[in-house]
Every structure is written in C-alpha cells, then in structure tokens.
Amino acid sequence: MAPNPLYVDPATRDFSDNPALLERILASPHGYFRFINIPFSSEVCRRFGGSVEGTPPFNLHGDAHLEQYAVTDLGRGLTDFDDSSSGPAVVDLLRFGVSLELACRERECSEALDRIWEEFLRGYEAALDDPLTEAPEPAVVTRLRQGFSFDRVAYFEWVASLMEPMPEPERQDLAEAMGPYIETMFEQEPGLGRRYFEIVDTGYLRSGIGSALDLKYLVRVRGATDEPLDDRVLEVKQVRELGAIDCIASRGSDPFRILVGQSRIAYEPYGLLGYLRMRDLTFWIHAWVENYQELGIGDALPSAGEMAEVAYDVGVQLGRGHPNQIGAPLDLQLRREQMRLLARDRKLIKSQRHELADLVTAAWQRFREAV
C-alpha cells in the first residue's frame, strides 16, 4: 500500500501544552484536515504540478475552509491569513472543496454536495467576470450577528482568561520589539494619541487548530483614553515557514505575504495590521474585534441551504481576491486567464476533491489509532 501523504505521525508533534488541540483533531476528519494544511497544500501542488506550470500566480488565502468563515464586528468572510501567499488558484479551490465534502459527510448531506460545490464555483466565476460582484448576506450571518454582545466588561474578562503567563524577560523583549511597529502605526494613522500603545497586559495565546502550535501573544494596550474599557487588544502571531509547499511563493518568514493577502482578499481587513521581529522570529499583528464568531460545522450550519449560501459568498470573495491588484493594469486579462484555467480543469478539480477527502479521512483514522 502506498504511503498516505496526508498522514502526520502524532509522535512528531508535542501536544503536551495544548491537549485541547489534540481533542479537536481527533474529533472529526475535518478537525484533522484543519491541522494538516501544509501537507495538504503540498499534495495539491504535486498533483497539479504539470498543469499549473507556466500559469500566472494569484493571491491565495492559503487555508480556505468552512470554519475559517467568520462573522465579526467588521463584516464577514474568510479570515485568518496565516498561510496566505501567491500561487495557483487551485490551492484555494481544492482546500475549500475538500472542506465542503468533509462537512457534508459529517452533516449527512452528501446528496447536496454537488449543488453546494456548484454554488461556490458560480460565485467564483461571477466575481472573476465582474470584480464588483457582491454576494447576498447568508442567513447564518444574520443569525450569528443577532447574538453579538457589546459588553466590554465581559469582553475583557474573556481576554484575560485567554492570556497565559509569560516570563518577564520575554515580556520585555516583546515590548521593545513592538517599537518600530508602533512608530509605523503613528505615521499611518496620525490620529492615534502617543500613549495609544502603552502596554496594559501581555500573555501567551493558545488557540486555533492549524496555528495552535505556533507562538502567539495577546497584548492589551491603552487605546484612545485612560478608560480601561477603551483599551485595544492586539494579537501577535508567529509567521510560519511554508517552504514545503512547492508551487507557492512563500519567501520564508516574510510577513508581507500575510499582510498583502489580507488586504487583497479580506472583505474587511483587520485594523492596526503590521509586523515585528523578535528573537530571530517574525510575527504579524492585528487588532481584535469585540465580536468574532467562526462557523462551526457541527452547530452553526444547520442546513445544506445555508451551507450553499456561505459557499457562494466564499466563491465571490475568492473570485474578487485572487486577481486583485496582482496583475494591474492587466487585471481583466488575468481574470479571463483564470476563467480559462477553471474551465479546463473543472472536472479534474471535482474528482480530486473527492480523492483528497478520502485521503484525509484515511489519514485521520490512522492518526487516531496511533494516538
């Protein structure tokens, strides 16, 4: 039997500081799928290597899946651009397609999968044809937004519960490393007061699945006034290496692949975007919003119809974002080239979606047995 390229031996990862991560990986094939983005994208590159050679690069989200779709105070859409870069658009199309297939298997709605997939492609093609295309707000977005709370006391209590203690020397190094970032923010946004970034508290953050083993910090800063409930929260996330993914342009730990990807693909990019370098590592930074709710396959998408609405919305977002500013002033030609490539590979992408979903499921089963 040929080795499964999507299998990750649990013995090669340290889950001791984050047992909740291991539980989420073991819970379902989709949880495992979220954990293996780099091996997954590498396999997509391998399978499409010949067909994408000589084709133009596009802005990539890099980890497009259903549970990356979030509703926030700013808006909605795919978020979390840790793996964004540039390369063949099929990386994003198959990532999202396999997510749809695994979700439909889990929700026992496989009979609706092809319809949902076609809604995704319909939105993608509509935005390639006209980058001003806007998708209707999905019903699940309206429902989640109705549950938003604007209780700042509860918000900062929650933030404090996420902050894990860190050594004082590391805290001091982080504060010092933020200096150039802060000066840049002052120049970009002159309305910020000089005390805006005074640090109130810092701590480790352990969250997510694909990024859970990366180094992350939360930094609470003073904000516009001395009122504690006016503080801002910044997330500082390590820029991970993507060198194992052959067909993308990752350039090591370059933070601009993330900042540019977010600015070109996100419907509403996060505020205070920037980066810092500390202890030979690079981090990217963004401000948190008060309300942030990712979709959960198990509870936030009760119907195939709502999944189809989200799929169409994601298709529009990627169709607008993939060619955005990357070929200027020849964006029209770039969009038409991607429409040609999609027409050429449409059936192949669909068949690979199914094969890769089977590989993910088999790798997950083996992972569970090994644990």
Protein backbone atom coordinates (compact mmCIF):
# COMPACT_ATOMS: atom_id res chain seq x y z
CA MET A 1 0.00 0.00 0.00
CA ALA A 2 1.33 3.43 -0.96
CA PRO A 3 2.03 5.78 1.98
CA ASN A 4 -0.63 8.38 2.68
CA PRO A 5 0.95 11.82 2.03
CA LEU A 6 -1.59 13.45 4.37
CA TYR A 7 -0.74 11.35 7.40
CA VAL A 8 1.09 13.14 10.23
CA ASP A 9 2.57 10.90 12.90
CA PRO A 10 1.33 12.26 16.27
CA ALA A 11 4.66 11.27 17.80
CA THR A 12 6.31 14.05 15.77
CA ARG A 13 4.19 16.78 17.42
CA ASP A 14 4.15 17.95 21.01
CA PHE A 15 0.60 18.35 22.30
CA SER A 16 1.54 18.45 25.98
CA ASP A 17 0.91 22.21 26.33
CA ASN A 18 -2.30 22.10 24.32
CA PRO A 19 -4.32 18.92 24.97
CA ALA A 20 -7.47 20.65 23.73
CA LEU A 21 -5.87 20.84 20.29
CA LEU A 22 -5.40 17.08 20.22
CA GLU A 23 -9.04 16.58 21.20
CA ARG A 24 -10.20 18.78 18.32
CA ILE A 25 -8.01 16.92 15.84
CA LEU A 26 -9.31 13.55 17.00
CA ALA A 27 -12.94 14.65 16.94
CA SER A 28 -13.51 14.51 13.18
CA PRO A 29 -11.83 14.28 9.78
CA HIS A 30 -12.44 18.00 9.32
CA GLY A 31 -10.63 18.78 12.57
CA TYR A 32 -7.66 16.75 11.32
CA PHE A 33 -7.96 18.45 7.91
CA ARG A 34 -7.54 21.83 9.60
CA PHE A 35 -4.34 20.62 11.26
CA ILE A 36 -2.59 19.42 8.09
CA ASN A 37 -2.79 22.42 5.81
CA ILE A 38 0.86 22.39 4.74
CA PRO A 39 0.92 18.65 3.82
CA PHE A 40 -2.45 19.09 2.10
CA SER A 41 -1.34 22.07 0.00
CA SER A 42 1.90 20.27 -0.84
CA GLU A 43 -0.11 17.34 -2.17
CA VAL A 44 -2.27 19.67 -4.28
CA CYS A 45 0.93 21.13 -5.76
CA ARG A 46 2.22 17.64 -6.52
CA ARG A 47 -0.99 16.57 -8.22
CA PHE A 48 -1.34 19.72 -10.31
CA GLY A 49 2.35 20.41 -10.87
CA GLY A 50 2.29 19.86 -14.61
CA SER A 51 -0.96 21.68 -15.27
CA VAL A 52 -0.05 24.83 -13.29
CA GLU A 53 3.47 25.15 -14.64
CA GLY A 54 3.67 28.33 -16.70
CA THR A 55 0.37 29.71 -15.37
CA PRO A 56 0.18 33.08 -13.57
CA PRO A 57 0.21 33.33 -9.78
CA PHE A 58 -2.80 34.59 -7.84
CA ASN A 59 -3.32 35.95 -4.34
CA LEU A 60 -4.01 32.91 -2.14
CA HIS A 61 -5.82 32.73 1.16
CA GLY A 62 -3.86 29.52 1.70
CA ASP A 63 -6.22 27.83 4.18
CA ALA A 64 -9.71 28.38 2.82
CA HIS A 65 -12.24 26.15 4.59
CA LEU A 66 -15.71 26.49 6.05
CA GLU A 67 -14.58 27.07 9.62
CA GLN A 68 -12.36 29.96 8.50
CA TYR A 69 -15.53 31.82 7.57
CA ALA A 70 -16.26 34.25 10.40
CA VAL A 71 -18.79 36.91 11.30
CA THR A 72 -17.29 39.90 13.10
CA ASP A 73 -18.00 43.49 14.07
CA LEU A 74 -16.31 44.46 10.79
CA GLY A 75 -18.19 42.14 8.47
CA ARG A 76 -17.96 38.53 7.31
CA GLY A 77 -15.95 36.17 5.14
CA LEU A 78 -12.79 34.10 5.18
CA THR A 79 -10.39 35.27 7.87
CA ASP A 80 -7.09 34.04 9.38
CA PHE A 81 -4.49 34.69 6.70
CA ASP A 82 -1.56 32.88 8.36
CA ASP A 83 -0.93 30.78 5.23
CA SER A 84 -1.63 33.38 2.57
CA SER A 85 0.86 33.71 -0.28
CA SER A 86 0.69 33.69 -4.07
CA GLY A 87 0.47 30.75 -6.42
CA PRO A 88 -2.01 28.68 -8.44
CA ALA A 89 -5.64 29.34 -7.50
CA VAL A 90 -6.36 25.60 -7.43
CA VAL A 91 -4.74 25.51 -3.96
CA ASP A 92 -7.62 27.55 -2.54
CA LEU A 93 -10.29 25.94 -4.70
CA LEU A 94 -9.43 22.43 -3.61
CA ARG A 95 -8.90 23.40 0.02
CA PHE A 96 -12.41 24.80 0.18
CA GLY A 97 -13.85 21.99 -1.94
CA VAL A 98 -12.48 19.27 0.36
CA SER A 99 -13.78 21.21 3.36
CA LEU A 100 -17.26 21.17 1.78
CA GLU A 101 -17.05 17.44 1.12
CA LEU A 102 -15.90 16.58 4.64
CA ALA A 103 -18.56 18.85 6.13
CA CYS A 104 -21.30 17.24 4.04
CA ARG A 105 -20.14 13.79 5.09
CA GLU A 106 -20.19 14.84 8.74
CA ARG A 107 -23.60 16.50 8.42
CA GLU A 108 -25.01 13.64 6.32
CA CYS A 109 -25.93 15.95 3.46
CA SER A 110 -23.73 14.40 0.77
CA GLU A 111 -26.66 14.36 -1.65
CA ALA A 112 -26.48 18.18 -1.67
CA LEU A 113 -22.69 18.35 -2.07
CA ASP A 114 -22.57 18.87 -5.83
CA ARG A 115 -25.17 21.65 -5.62
CA ILE A 116 -23.20 23.39 -2.86
CA TRP A 117 -19.96 22.98 -4.85
CA GLU A 118 -21.57 24.49 -7.94
CA GLU A 119 -22.79 27.46 -5.87
CA PHE A 120 -19.20 28.04 -4.77
CA LEU A 121 -17.97 27.98 -8.37
CA ARG A 122 -20.89 30.13 -9.53
CA GLY A 123 -19.88 32.84 -7.07
CA TYR A 124 -16.22 32.48 -8.03
CA GLU A 125 -16.92 32.81 -11.76
CA ALA A 126 -19.32 35.72 -11.24
CA ALA A 127 -16.61 37.68 -9.41
CA LEU A 128 -13.96 36.81 -11.99
CA ASP A 129 -16.31 38.15 -14.65
CA ASP A 130 -17.16 41.28 -12.64
CA PRO A 131 -14.98 42.17 -9.61
CA LEU A 132 -17.74 44.44 -8.32
CA THR A 133 -19.98 41.41 -7.72
CA GLU A 134 -21.44 41.30 -4.22
CA ALA A 135 -22.95 38.23 -2.60
CA PRO A 136 -26.13 38.49 -0.51
CA GLU A 137 -25.57 38.17 3.22
CA PRO A 138 -26.05 34.50 4.14
CA ALA A 139 -28.84 33.75 6.62
CA VAL A 140 -26.36 32.25 9.08
CA VAL A 141 -24.52 35.58 9.20
CA THR A 142 -27.69 37.44 10.15
CA ARG A 143 -28.46 34.87 12.83
CA LEU A 144 -24.99 34.92 14.37
CA ARG A 145 -24.85 38.71 14.37
CA GLN A 146 -28.12 38.87 16.29
CA GLY A 147 -26.36 37.05 19.12
CA PHE A 148 -23.50 39.54 19.37
CA SER A 149 -22.85 41.13 22.74
CA PHE A 150 -21.34 44.56 23.31
CA ASP A 151 -20.47 44.11 26.96
CA ARG A 152 -16.93 45.46 27.28
CA VAL A 153 -16.55 44.23 30.86
CA ALA A 154 -17.34 40.67 29.82
CA TYR A 155 -15.11 41.03 26.75
CA PHE A 156 -12.03 42.00 28.75
CA GLU A 157 -12.73 39.28 31.32
CA TRP A 158 -12.72 36.80 28.44
CA VAL A 159 -9.49 38.26 27.03
CA ALA A 160 -7.85 37.95 30.46
CA SER A 161 -8.93 34.30 30.66
CA LEU A 162 -7.07 33.59 27.40
CA MET A 163 -3.79 35.20 28.47
CA GLU A 164 -1.32 32.68 29.86
CA PRO A 165 1.62 33.90 31.98
CA MET A 166 4.93 34.55 30.25
CA PRO A 167 8.43 35.17 31.68
CA GLU A 168 9.31 38.78 32.42
CA PRO A 169 12.39 38.83 30.10
CA GLU A 170 10.21 37.68 27.21
CA ARG A 171 7.60 40.29 28.10
CA GLN A 172 10.29 43.00 28.00
CA ASP A 173 11.65 41.73 24.68
CA LEU A 174 8.17 41.82 23.18
CA ALA A 175 7.57 45.39 24.37
CA GLU A 176 10.89 46.50 22.88
CA ALA A 177 10.29 44.67 19.60
CA MET A 178 6.95 46.46 19.19
CA GLY A 179 8.73 49.83 18.96
CA PRO A 180 9.17 50.03 15.16
CA TYR A 181 5.63 48.70 14.62
CA ILE A 182 4.21 51.38 16.91
CA GLU A 183 6.11 54.17 15.17
CA THR A 184 4.78 52.96 11.83
CA MET A 185 1.21 52.91 13.16
CA PHE A 186 1.60 56.53 14.32
CA GLU A 187 2.72 57.56 10.82
CA GLN A 188 -0.07 55.59 9.11
CA GLU A 189 -2.77 56.79 11.50
CA PRO A 190 -1.74 60.23 12.84
CA GLY A 191 -4.96 60.49 14.87
CA LEU A 192 -3.71 57.92 17.39
CA GLY A 193 -2.51 59.51 20.59
CA ARG A 194 1.11 58.98 21.61
CA ARG A 195 0.01 56.88 24.58
CA TYR A 196 -2.25 54.64 22.50
CA PHE A 197 0.10 51.66 22.55
CA GLU A 198 1.08 51.76 26.22
CA ILE A 199 1.03 48.12 27.28
CA VAL A 200 -1.51 47.18 29.95
CA ASP A 201 -1.03 43.41 29.91
CA THR A 202 0.52 40.63 27.82
CA GLY A 203 0.34 36.85 27.75
CA TYR A 204 0.66 33.74 25.64
CA LEU A 205 -2.32 32.76 23.49
CA ARG A 206 -3.04 29.13 22.62
CA SER A 207 -5.91 28.81 20.19
CA GLY A 208 -6.85 27.55 16.74
CA ILE A 209 -6.00 24.21 15.14
CA GLY A 210 -3.71 24.79 12.18
CA SER A 211 -1.88 27.56 14.05
CA ALA A 212 -2.22 26.14 17.56
CA LEU A 213 1.43 25.08 17.82
CA ASP A 214 2.71 28.46 16.58
CA LEU A 215 3.91 31.06 19.06
CA LYS A 216 1.23 33.68 19.72
CA TYR A 217 0.79 36.55 22.17
CA LEU A 218 -2.08 38.78 23.26
CA VAL A 219 -1.18 42.38 24.06
CA ARG A 220 -3.67 44.72 25.71
CA VAL A 221 -2.86 48.38 25.10
CA ARG A 222 -4.24 51.64 26.48
CA GLY A 223 -6.20 52.77 23.42
CA ALA A 224 -7.52 56.26 22.87
CA THR A 225 -8.20 57.20 26.51
CA ASP A 226 -7.35 56.24 30.10
CA GLU A 227 -10.71 54.48 30.44
CA PRO A 228 -9.89 50.73 30.81
CA LEU A 229 -12.91 49.69 28.77
CA ASP A 230 -11.48 51.73 25.89
CA ASP A 231 -8.37 49.52 25.66
CA ARG A 232 -7.46 47.64 22.46
CA VAL A 233 -6.31 44.04 22.14
CA LEU A 234 -3.59 43.07 19.67
CA GLU A 235 -2.79 39.53 18.57
CA VAL A 236 0.87 38.90 17.73
CA LYS A 237 1.29 35.69 15.71
CA GLN A 238 4.43 33.96 14.54
CA VAL A 239 4.89 33.89 10.76
CA ARG A 240 5.31 30.23 9.90
CA GLU A 241 7.52 28.80 7.17
CA LEU A 242 5.66 27.47 4.11
CA GLY A 243 8.71 26.24 2.25
CA ALA A 244 7.38 22.69 1.96
CA ILE A 245 4.65 23.85 -0.45
CA ASP A 246 6.43 23.75 -3.78
CA CYS A 247 4.09 25.68 -6.07
CA ILE A 248 3.62 28.84 -4.00
CA ALA A 249 5.81 31.88 -3.40
CA SER A 250 6.34 31.86 0.36
CA ARG A 251 9.73 33.60 0.81
CA GLY A 252 10.44 32.09 4.21
CA SER A 253 9.09 34.06 7.14
CA ASP A 254 8.15 37.13 5.11
CA PRO A 255 5.28 38.88 6.98
CA PHE A 256 4.13 40.75 3.88
CA ARG A 257 2.68 37.61 2.32
CA ILE A 258 0.13 37.73 5.18
CA LEU A 259 -0.42 41.48 5.26
CA VAL A 260 -0.82 41.72 1.49
CA GLY A 261 -3.03 38.63 1.32
CA GLN A 262 -5.37 40.03 3.96
CA SER A 263 -5.54 43.47 2.35
CA ARG A 264 -6.35 41.99 -1.07
CA ILE A 265 -8.69 39.12 -0.17
CA ALA A 266 -10.48 40.03 3.08
CA TYR A 267 -13.83 41.78 2.66
CA GLU A 268 -12.84 43.95 5.65
CA PRO A 269 -9.16 43.69 6.69
CA TYR A 270 -8.39 43.91 10.39
CA GLY A 271 -7.16 47.16 11.88
CA LEU A 272 -3.63 48.04 13.01
CA LEU A 273 -2.03 45.50 10.66
CA GLY A 274 1.72 45.25 10.92
CA TYR A 275 4.66 43.11 11.94
CA LEU A 276 7.62 42.87 14.29
CA ARG A 277 10.80 40.84 14.64
CA MET A 278 11.91 39.36 17.97
CA ARG A 279 14.47 36.72 18.93
CA ASP A 280 15.14 35.80 15.28
CA LEU A 281 11.41 35.21 14.68
CA THR A 282 8.93 37.27 12.68
CA PHE A 283 5.38 38.00 13.83
CA TRP A 284 2.39 39.67 12.26
CA ILE A 285 0.00 41.81 14.28
CA HIS A 286 -3.63 42.80 14.06
CA ALA A 287 -6.25 44.28 16.35
CA TRP A 288 -9.03 42.12 17.69
CA VAL A 289 -12.68 42.99 17.32
CA GLU A 290 -15.16 42.67 20.16
CA ASN A 291 -17.29 40.04 18.44
CA TYR A 292 -15.83 37.23 16.37
CA GLN A 293 -17.73 34.05 15.55
CA GLU A 294 -16.37 31.37 13.22
CA LEU A 295 -18.74 28.92 11.62
CA GLY A 296 -18.85 25.54 13.29
CA ILE A 297 -19.77 22.64 11.05
CA GLY A 298 -21.45 20.88 13.94
CA ASP A 299 -23.75 23.66 15.11
CA ALA A 300 -23.70 26.91 13.12
CA LEU A 301 -24.75 25.43 9.77
CA PRO A 302 -27.98 23.53 10.35
CA SER A 303 -28.93 23.13 6.69
CA ALA A 304 -27.42 22.40 3.30
CA GLY A 305 -29.16 25.53 2.05
CA GLU A 306 -27.23 27.73 4.44
CA MET A 307 -24.00 25.96 3.52
CA ALA A 308 -24.71 26.76 -0.12
CA GLU A 309 -25.21 30.45 0.71
CA VAL A 310 -21.87 30.55 2.51
CA ALA A 311 -20.19 28.67 -0.34
CA TYR A 312 -21.45 31.23 -2.85
CA ASP A 313 -20.21 34.07 -0.63
CA VAL A 314 -16.75 32.49 -0.31
CA GLY A 315 -16.68 31.95 -4.07
CA VAL A 316 -17.31 35.65 -4.62
CA GLN A 317 -14.67 36.61 -2.05
CA LEU A 318 -12.00 34.43 -3.68
CA GLY A 319 -13.06 35.37 -7.20
CA ARG A 320 -12.59 39.03 -6.31
CA GLY A 321 -9.47 38.47 -4.22
CA HIS A 322 -7.42 36.04 -6.30
CA PRO A 323 -6.61 38.52 -9.11
CA ASN A 324 -6.93 41.70 -7.01
CA GLN A 325 -4.04 44.11 -7.79
CA ILE A 326 -1.74 41.26 -8.73
CA GLY A 327 -1.79 41.91 -12.48
CA ALA A 328 -2.53 45.62 -12.59
CA PRO A 329 -3.10 47.25 -15.00
CA LEU A 330 -3.90 43.96 -16.76
CA ASP A 331 -6.41 42.61 -14.23
CA LEU A 332 -9.01 41.91 -16.92
CA GLN A 333 -6.62 39.63 -18.77
CA LEU A 334 -5.66 37.87 -15.55
CA ARG A 335 -9.30 37.26 -14.61
CA ARG A 336 -10.04 35.86 -18.06
CA GLU A 337 -6.99 33.60 -17.85
CA GLN A 338 -8.26 32.15 -14.58
CA MET A 339 -11.69 31.58 -16.11
CA ARG A 340 -9.97 29.67 -18.91
CA LEU A 341 -7.93 27.60 -16.46
CA LEU A 342 -11.01 26.81 -14.38
CA ALA A 343 -12.96 25.69 -17.46
CA ARG A 344 -10.03 23.46 -18.43
CA ASP A 345 -9.61 21.86 -15.00
CA ARG A 346 -13.17 21.93 -13.65
CA LYS A 347 -13.81 18.18 -13.88
CA LEU A 348 -10.32 17.33 -12.63
CA ILE A 349 -10.70 19.58 -9.59
CA LYS A 350 -14.00 17.91 -8.72
CA SER A 351 -12.55 14.40 -8.96
CA GLN A 352 -9.51 15.42 -6.92
CA ARG A 353 -11.80 16.94 -4.30
CA HIS A 354 -13.31 13.52 -3.70
CA GLU A 355 -9.96 11.66 -3.73
CA LEU A 356 -8.35 14.08 -1.31
CA ALA A 357 -11.33 13.92 1.06
CA ASP A 358 -10.89 10.13 1.14
CA LEU A 359 -7.16 10.53 1.84
CA VAL A 360 -7.85 12.98 4.68
CA THR A 361 -10.35 10.58 6.26
CA ALA A 362 -7.95 7.64 6.00
CA ALA A 363 -5.10 9.70 7.49
CA TRP A 364 -7.34 10.83 10.34
CA GLN A 365 -8.32 7.25 11.13
CA ARG A 366 -4.67 6.20 11.22
CA PHE A 367 -3.81 9.22 13.39
CA ARG A 368 -6.48 8.20 15.90
CA GLU A 369 -5.18 4.65 16.02
CA ALA A 370 -1.62 5.90 16.59
CA VAL A 371 -2.70 8.18 19.44
